[in-house]
């Protein structure tokens, strides 16, 4: 979570985008469209974060893990969890 906070602070426009996303999630929760929004929000942000990191690292899991401040094992677990298999299809978020 600290990684997410640091990332949001260091990227122009990221904080505003994150604020808009959180506002939308909470509005949906108030309208009865909830369902563990905390877990959903964290998963969505992690999926995007890990997907873009592996794209920028051109599939190099060790490099992407280093950038994110996580172990290679965590990197592999997240890639598998989110169905991001760059070694198989050379895409993480539909890029490279």
C-alpha atoms as a PDB file:
ATOM      1  CA  UNK A   1       0.000   0.000   0.000  1.00  0.00           C
ATOM      2  CA  UNK A   2       2.932   2.306   0.635  1.00  0.00           C
ATOM      3  CA  UNK A   3       4.041   1.638  -2.937  1.00  0.00           C
ATOM      4  CA  UNK A   4       0.638   2.747  -4.209  1.00  0.00           C
ATOM      5  CA  UNK A   5       0.778   5.935  -2.154  1.00  0.00           C
ATOM      6  CA  UNK A   6       4.305   6.780  -3.356  1.00  0.00           C
ATOM      7  CA  UNK A   7       3.334   6.059  -6.953  1.00  0.00           C
ATOM      8  CA  UNK A   8       0.279   8.309  -6.736  1.00  0.00           C
ATOM      9  CA  UNK A   9       2.392  11.138  -5.333  1.00  0.00           C
ATOM     10  CA  UNK A  10       5.147  10.860  -7.928  1.00  0.00           C
ATOM     11  CA  UNK A  11       3.066  10.740 -11.124  1.00  0.00           C
ATOM     12  CA  UNK A  12       1.410  13.878 -12.516  1.00  0.00           C
ATOM     13  CA  UNK A  13      -2.359  13.490 -12.536  1.00  0.00           C
ATOM     14  CA  UNK A  14      -2.260  10.172 -10.690  1.00  0.00           C
ATOM     15  CA  UNK A  15      -3.586  11.605  -7.448  1.00  0.00           C
ATOM     16  CA  UNK A  16      -6.565  13.192  -9.222  1.00  0.00           C
ATOM     17  CA  UNK A  17      -7.302   9.978 -11.118  1.00  0.00           C
ATOM     18  CA  UNK A  18      -7.111   7.964  -7.911  1.00  0.00           C
ATOM     19  CA  UNK A  19      -9.374  10.441  -6.128  1.00  0.00           C
ATOM     20  CA  UNK A  20     -11.926  10.173  -8.943  1.00  0.00           C
ATOM     21  CA  UNK A  21     -11.787   6.378  -8.843  1.00  0.00           C
ATOM     22  CA  UNK A  22     -12.325   6.299  -5.068  1.00  0.00           C
ATOM     23  CA  UNK A  23     -15.176   8.812  -5.332  1.00  0.00           C
ATOM     24  CA  UNK A  24     -16.869   6.636  -7.959  1.00  0.00           C
ATOM     25  CA  UNK A  25     -16.459   3.490  -5.843  1.00  0.00           C
ATOM     26  CA  UNK A  26     -17.964   5.169  -2.798  1.00  0.00           C
ATOM     27  CA  UNK A  27     -20.844   6.622  -4.835  1.00  0.00           C
ATOM     28  CA  UNK A  28     -21.630   3.124  -6.113  1.00  0.00           C
ATOM     29  CA  UNK A  29     -21.510   1.808  -2.544  1.00  0.00           C
ATOM     30  CA  UNK A  30     -24.004   4.453  -1.429  1.00  0.00           C
ATOM     31  CA  UNK A  31     -26.324   3.434  -4.276  1.00  0.00           C
ATOM     32  CA  UNK A  32     -26.337  -0.176  -3.120  1.00  0.00           C
ATOM     33  CA  UNK A  33     -23.762  -1.371  -5.652  1.00  0.00           C
ATOM     34  CA  UNK A  34     -21.188  -2.222  -3.004  1.00  0.00           C
ATOM     35  CA  UNK A  35     -19.604  -5.554  -2.337  1.00  0.00           C
ATOM     36  CA  UNK A  36     -16.328  -5.250  -0.517  1.00  0.00           C
ATOM     37  CA  UNK A  37     -15.161  -2.152  -2.373  1.00  0.00           C
ATOM     38  CA  UNK A  38     -11.892  -2.035  -0.441  1.00  0.00           C
ATOM     39  CA  UNK A  39     -10.787  -5.411  -1.789  1.00  0.00           C
ATOM     40  CA  UNK A  40     -11.983  -4.570  -5.301  1.00  0.00           C
ATOM     41  CA  UNK A  41     -10.205  -1.219  -5.306  1.00  0.00           C
ATOM     42  CA  UNK A  42      -6.901  -2.665  -4.117  1.00  0.00           C
ATOM     43  CA  UNK A  43      -7.098  -5.499  -6.668  1.00  0.00           C
ATOM     44  CA  UNK A  44      -7.858  -3.107  -9.531  1.00  0.00           C
ATOM     45  CA  UNK A  45      -5.006  -0.774  -8.633  1.00  0.00           C
ATOM     46  CA  UNK A  46      -2.581  -3.665  -8.101  1.00  0.00           C
ATOM     47  CA  UNK A  47      -3.564  -5.258 -11.423  1.00  0.00           C
ATOM     48  CA  UNK A  48      -2.833  -2.024 -13.258  1.00  0.00           C
ATOM     49  CA  UNK A  49       0.345  -1.314 -11.283  1.00  0.00           C
ATOM     50  CA  UNK A  50       1.845  -4.772 -11.779  1.00  0.00           C
ATOM     51  CA  UNK A  51       0.694  -4.943 -15.406  1.00  0.00           C
ATOM     52  CA  UNK A  52       2.254  -1.625 -16.321  1.00  0.00           C
ATOM     53  CA  UNK A  53       5.449  -2.367 -14.382  1.00  0.00           C
ATOM     54  CA  UNK A  54       5.963  -5.666 -16.227  1.00  0.00           C
ATOM     55  CA  UNK A  55       5.260  -3.889 -19.534  1.00  0.00           C
ATOM     56  CA  UNK A  56       7.790  -1.162 -18.833  1.00  0.00           C
ATOM     57  CA  UNK A  57      10.336  -3.788 -17.768  1.00  0.00           C
ATOM     58  CA  UNK A  58       9.701  -5.680 -21.045  1.00  0.00           C
ATOM     59  CA  UNK A  59       8.784  -8.828 -19.127  1.00  0.00           C
ATOM     60  CA  UNK A  60      11.761  -8.688 -16.758  1.00  0.00           C
ATOM     61  CA  UNK A  61      10.124  -9.727 -13.494  1.00  0.00           C
ATOM     62  CA  UNK A  62      13.171  -8.992 -11.328  1.00  0.00           C
ATOM     63  CA  UNK A  63      13.405  -5.435 -12.664  1.00  0.00           C
ATOM     64  CA  UNK A  64       9.669  -4.790 -12.261  1.00  0.00           C
ATOM     65  CA  UNK A  65       9.752  -6.204  -8.721  1.00  0.00           C
ATOM     66  CA  UNK A  66      12.685  -3.944  -7.845  1.00  0.00           C
ATOM     67  CA  UNK A  67      10.833  -0.883  -9.143  1.00  0.00           C
ATOM     68  CA  UNK A  68       7.775  -1.751  -7.071  1.00  0.00           C
ATOM     69  CA  UNK A  69       9.761  -2.598  -3.956  1.00  0.00           C
ATOM     70  CA  UNK A  70       8.488  -6.179  -3.770  1.00  0.00           C
ATOM     71  CA  UNK A  71      10.202  -9.548  -3.977  1.00  0.00           C
ATOM     72  CA  UNK A  72      10.357 -11.533  -7.221  1.00  0.00           C
ATOM     73  CA  UNK A  73       8.135 -14.121  -5.543  1.00  0.00           C
ATOM     74  CA  UNK A  74       5.497 -11.477  -4.824  1.00  0.00           C
ATOM     75  CA  UNK A  75       5.821 -10.247  -8.404  1.00  0.00           C
ATOM     76  CA  UNK A  76       5.250 -13.757  -9.769  1.00  0.00           C
ATOM     77  CA  UNK A  77       2.313 -14.356  -7.417  1.00  0.00           C
ATOM     78  CA  UNK A  78       0.617 -11.112  -8.459  1.00  0.00           C
ATOM     79  CA  UNK A  79       1.190 -11.779 -12.161  1.00  0.00           C
ATOM     80  CA  UNK A  80      -0.359 -15.229 -11.779  1.00  0.00           C
ATOM     81  CA  UNK A  81      -3.209 -13.949  -9.613  1.00  0.00           C
ATOM     82  CA  UNK A  82      -4.178 -11.322 -12.174  1.00  0.00           C
ATOM     83  CA  UNK A  83      -3.599 -13.555 -15.184  1.00  0.00           C
ATOM     84  CA  UNK A  84      -0.668 -11.502 -16.445  1.00  0.00           C
ATOM     85  CA  UNK A  85       1.668 -13.958 -18.171  1.00  0.00           C
ATOM     86  CA  UNK A  86       4.193 -11.939 -20.158  1.00  0.00           C
ATOM     87  CA  UNK A  87       6.421 -14.933 -20.859  1.00  0.00           C
ATOM     88  CA  UNK A  88       3.570 -16.699 -22.660  1.00  0.00           C
ATOM     89  CA  UNK A  89       1.827 -13.996 -24.651  1.00  0.00           C
ATOM     90  CA  UNK A  90       4.210 -11.029 -24.420  1.00  0.00           C
ATOM     91  CA  UNK A  91       1.442  -8.815 -23.064  1.00  0.00           C
ATOM     92  CA  UNK A  92       0.580  -7.752 -19.574  1.00  0.00           C
ATOM     93  CA  UNK A  93      -1.977  -5.024 -20.184  1.00  0.00           C
ATOM     94  CA  UNK A  94      -2.316  -5.503 -23.909  1.00  0.00           C
ATOM     95  CA  UNK A  95       0.970  -3.791 -24.728  1.00  0.00           C
ATOM     96  CA  UNK A  96       4.493  -4.594 -25.931  1.00  0.00           C
END
